[in-house]
Amino acid sequence: MLETNRLLLRPYDYSIMSSVFAKPVADQLAFFGVSDEADLEKPRMMYEGGVNTFNRQLLIFHMILKASNDVIGWCGFHTWYVTHDRAEVGYVIDDEKHWGKGYMSEALEAVIEYGFGTMKLHRIEAFVGPSNAASKRLLQKFGFQKEGLLREHYKVDGVHGDSEIFGRIKGVEI
C-alpha cells in the first residue's frame, strides 16, 4: 500500500481481483467502493478478459481518502510491458466533487515514484485526448513531454478519436 498526505493507494492486480471476485457481491462492492452491482461490470470484464498476458500486466491503485475511507478513483499502470521496462499510466477520479483538490497530483507522484523505483521502469507513457487540458497540465507538472499525436487511436461510443502521447524517461530531470 502506498500513502500520501490525504490518500491511501491500495494496489490491485489480477491475483487480488481473483480473490475479490471469489467473495460475495457485497464484499466486491465494498472493495471497489461502489454501491450498485452494475458498477462492477467494468472491473469484472477486465478480470474475466485476462488483465495479464505473457508480456503485459496491470497494476492499479485504488485512491482511498484517509479522512472517510471512501474510494474516489484509481491511478496506476493499466498496461505494463514487463519485457520492455515501460508502462502506460492512467487515472480517474469518479466524482466531480473531488476534482480540483489536488488528489490526483498526490496519487500520481506516488505512483510515478513506485513505477521508476519498485517496478524498475525505464519509461512511463500516457495517452491523452487533445481537448483534455487538465490531464495534459498534470502530466507536464511531473515532467512528461508531449511526443506526438496518434490519429484515431481510440474509440468511444463508436467514434474514433486522436490521442496525444506523453512520455517520461527515468532519470530525466523534471
Protein backbone atom coordinates (compact mmCIF):
# COMPACT_ATOMS: atom_id res chain seq x y z
CA MET A 1 0.00 0.00 0.00
CA LEU A 2 1.22 3.49 -0.85
CA GLU A 3 0.38 6.51 1.25
CA THR A 4 0.27 10.27 0.63
CA ASN A 5 -0.80 13.10 2.93
CA ARG A 6 -4.51 12.54 2.29
CA LEU A 7 -4.70 9.23 0.41
CA LEU A 8 -4.12 5.54 0.79
CA LEU A 9 -3.29 3.87 -2.51
CA ARG A 10 -4.35 0.23 -2.32
CA PRO A 11 -2.93 -1.94 -5.13
CA TYR A 12 -4.99 -4.37 -7.06
CA ASP A 13 -3.88 -6.68 -9.80
CA TYR A 14 -5.13 -9.92 -11.33
CA SER A 15 -4.36 -12.07 -8.28
CA ILE A 16 -6.09 -9.65 -5.91
CA MET A 17 -9.06 -9.40 -8.28
CA SER A 18 -9.29 -13.20 -8.30
CA SER A 19 -9.71 -13.28 -4.55
CA VAL A 20 -12.18 -10.36 -4.60
CA PHE A 21 -14.42 -11.90 -7.28
CA ALA A 22 -14.48 -15.18 -5.34
CA LYS A 23 -16.22 -13.32 -2.49
CA PRO A 24 -19.91 -12.40 -2.16
CA VAL A 25 -21.17 -9.43 -4.19
CA ALA A 26 -21.43 -7.26 -1.05
CA ASP A 27 -17.69 -7.70 -0.44
CA GLN A 28 -16.95 -6.92 -4.11
CA LEU A 29 -18.99 -3.71 -3.88
CA ALA A 30 -17.09 -2.68 -0.74
CA PHE A 31 -13.67 -3.42 -2.27
CA PHE A 32 -14.32 -1.38 -5.41
CA GLY A 33 -16.09 1.37 -3.45
CA VAL A 34 -19.32 1.24 -5.43
CA SER A 35 -22.92 0.91 -4.32
CA ASP A 36 -24.52 -0.81 -7.30
CA GLU A 37 -23.77 -4.19 -8.87
CA ALA A 38 -23.88 -2.55 -12.32
CA ASP A 39 -20.75 -0.62 -11.31
CA LEU A 40 -18.89 -3.93 -11.03
CA GLU A 41 -19.26 -4.56 -14.78
CA LYS A 42 -16.04 -2.86 -15.88
CA PRO A 43 -13.70 -4.42 -13.27
CA ARG A 44 -15.37 -7.80 -13.83
CA MET A 45 -14.83 -7.51 -17.61
CA MET A 46 -11.16 -6.64 -17.02
CA TYR A 47 -10.78 -9.61 -14.72
CA GLU A 48 -12.62 -12.10 -16.94
CA GLY A 49 -10.86 -10.83 -20.06
CA GLY A 50 -7.50 -11.56 -18.51
CA VAL A 51 -5.59 -8.47 -17.49
CA ASN A 52 -2.25 -10.30 -17.57
CA THR A 53 -0.66 -11.84 -20.64
CA PHE A 54 2.79 -13.18 -21.33
CA ASN A 55 4.30 -9.70 -21.71
CA ARG A 56 1.76 -7.25 -20.24
CA GLN A 57 0.35 -6.77 -16.79
CA LEU A 58 -1.93 -4.48 -14.85
CA LEU A 59 -1.09 -2.69 -11.61
CA ILE A 60 -3.68 -0.18 -10.47
CA PHE A 61 -4.14 1.53 -7.11
CA HIS A 62 -7.50 2.48 -5.62
CA MET A 63 -7.41 6.05 -4.34
CA ILE A 64 -8.89 6.00 -0.83
CA LEU A 65 -9.48 9.15 1.18
CA LYS A 66 -7.90 8.73 4.61
CA ALA A 67 -10.50 11.01 6.22
CA SER A 68 -13.54 8.97 5.12
CA ASN A 69 -12.17 5.65 3.79
CA ASP A 70 -14.06 6.33 0.52
CA VAL A 71 -12.69 5.03 -2.79
CA ILE A 72 -12.65 8.11 -5.05
CA GLY A 73 -10.91 6.71 -8.13
CA TRP A 74 -7.81 4.92 -9.32
CA CYS A 75 -4.32 5.66 -10.56
CA GLY A 76 -1.83 3.19 -11.90
CA PHE A 77 -0.42 1.23 -14.78
CA HIS A 78 -3.15 -0.31 -16.89
CA THR A 79 -0.65 -1.54 -19.47
CA TRP A 80 2.73 -2.63 -18.14
CA TYR A 81 5.08 -4.05 -20.79
CA VAL A 82 7.25 -6.11 -18.46
CA THR A 83 9.88 -7.14 -21.02
CA HIS A 84 10.37 -3.55 -22.20
CA ASP A 85 10.51 -1.85 -18.76
CA ARG A 86 7.74 0.58 -19.71
CA ALA A 87 4.16 1.15 -18.67
CA GLU A 88 1.18 3.29 -19.60
CA VAL A 89 -0.18 5.28 -16.69
CA GLY A 90 -3.86 6.05 -16.33
CA TYR A 91 -6.03 7.72 -13.73
CA VAL A 92 -9.64 8.58 -12.93
CA ILE A 93 -11.45 10.42 -10.17
CA ASP A 94 -15.02 9.17 -10.31
CA ASP A 95 -16.97 12.08 -8.80
CA GLU A 96 -16.60 15.73 -9.83
CA LYS A 97 -16.88 16.81 -6.19
CA HIS A 98 -13.30 15.51 -5.74
CA TRP A 99 -11.89 17.28 -8.83
CA GLY A 100 -9.56 20.25 -8.45
CA LYS A 101 -8.46 19.37 -4.92
CA GLY A 102 -5.00 18.03 -5.75
CA TYR A 103 -5.81 14.38 -5.08
CA MET A 104 -4.59 13.22 -8.47
CA SER A 105 -1.32 15.12 -8.08
CA GLU A 106 -0.72 13.33 -4.78
CA ALA A 107 -1.57 9.94 -6.25
CA LEU A 108 0.35 10.37 -9.49
CA GLU A 109 3.50 11.48 -7.71
CA ALA A 110 3.47 8.34 -5.55
CA VAL A 111 2.64 6.06 -8.49
CA ILE A 112 5.42 7.51 -10.68
CA GLU A 113 7.92 7.06 -7.85
CA TYR A 114 6.71 3.47 -7.38
CA GLY A 115 6.99 2.81 -11.12
CA PHE A 116 10.54 4.03 -11.51
CA GLY A 117 11.67 2.66 -8.13
CA THR A 118 9.93 -0.58 -7.22
CA MET A 119 8.84 -1.65 -10.71
CA LYS A 120 12.20 -0.62 -12.23
CA LEU A 121 10.52 1.06 -15.20
CA HIS A 122 12.67 2.95 -17.69
CA ARG A 123 9.75 4.75 -19.36
CA ILE A 124 6.25 5.81 -18.36
CA GLU A 125 3.84 6.99 -21.03
CA ALA A 126 0.33 8.38 -21.16
CA PHE A 127 -2.23 8.90 -23.91
CA VAL A 128 -4.49 11.95 -23.60
CA GLY A 129 -7.34 13.31 -25.68
CA PRO A 130 -6.27 16.61 -27.33
CA SER A 131 -9.03 18.55 -25.55
CA ASN A 132 -8.15 17.24 -22.06
CA ALA A 133 -6.20 20.30 -20.87
CA ALA A 134 -6.29 19.31 -17.18
CA SER A 135 -4.68 15.94 -17.83
CA LYS A 136 -2.00 17.47 -20.04
CA ARG A 137 -1.15 20.05 -17.33
CA LEU A 138 -0.95 17.27 -14.74
CA LEU A 139 1.44 15.21 -16.84
CA GLN A 140 3.62 18.22 -17.67
CA LYS A 141 3.79 19.07 -13.95
CA PHE A 142 5.51 15.71 -13.44
CA GLY A 143 7.98 16.08 -16.30
CA PHE A 144 6.14 14.29 -19.08
CA GLN A 145 6.86 15.64 -22.53
CA LYS A 146 4.48 15.62 -25.46
CA GLU A 147 5.93 13.30 -28.08
CA GLY A 148 3.32 13.30 -30.81
CA LEU A 149 -0.21 12.65 -31.98
CA LEU A 150 -1.77 9.28 -32.71
CA ARG A 151 -4.64 9.79 -35.14
CA GLU A 152 -7.88 7.88 -34.49
CA HIS A 153 -6.14 5.97 -31.73
CA TYR A 154 -9.11 5.08 -29.52
CA LYS A 155 -12.84 4.55 -29.86
CA VAL A 156 -15.54 5.85 -27.54
CA ASP A 157 -19.24 5.38 -28.26
CA GLY A 158 -18.43 4.30 -31.80
CA VAL A 159 -16.34 7.39 -32.60
CA HIS A 160 -12.59 7.21 -33.23
CA GLY A 161 -10.56 9.94 -31.52
CA ASP A 162 -6.99 11.15 -31.51
CA SER A 163 -4.53 10.75 -28.65
CA GLU A 164 -1.58 12.89 -27.77
CA ILE A 165 1.25 10.78 -26.40
CA PHE A 166 3.30 11.96 -23.44
CA GLY A 167 6.36 10.23 -22.05
CA ARG A 168 8.84 10.44 -19.22
CA ILE A 169 12.16 8.63 -19.05
CA LYS A 170 13.69 7.53 -15.73
CA GLY A 171 16.41 9.87 -14.53
CA VAL A 172 15.41 12.77 -16.76
CA GLU A 173 15.05 15.79 -14.52
CA ILE A 174 11.65 17.49 -14.32
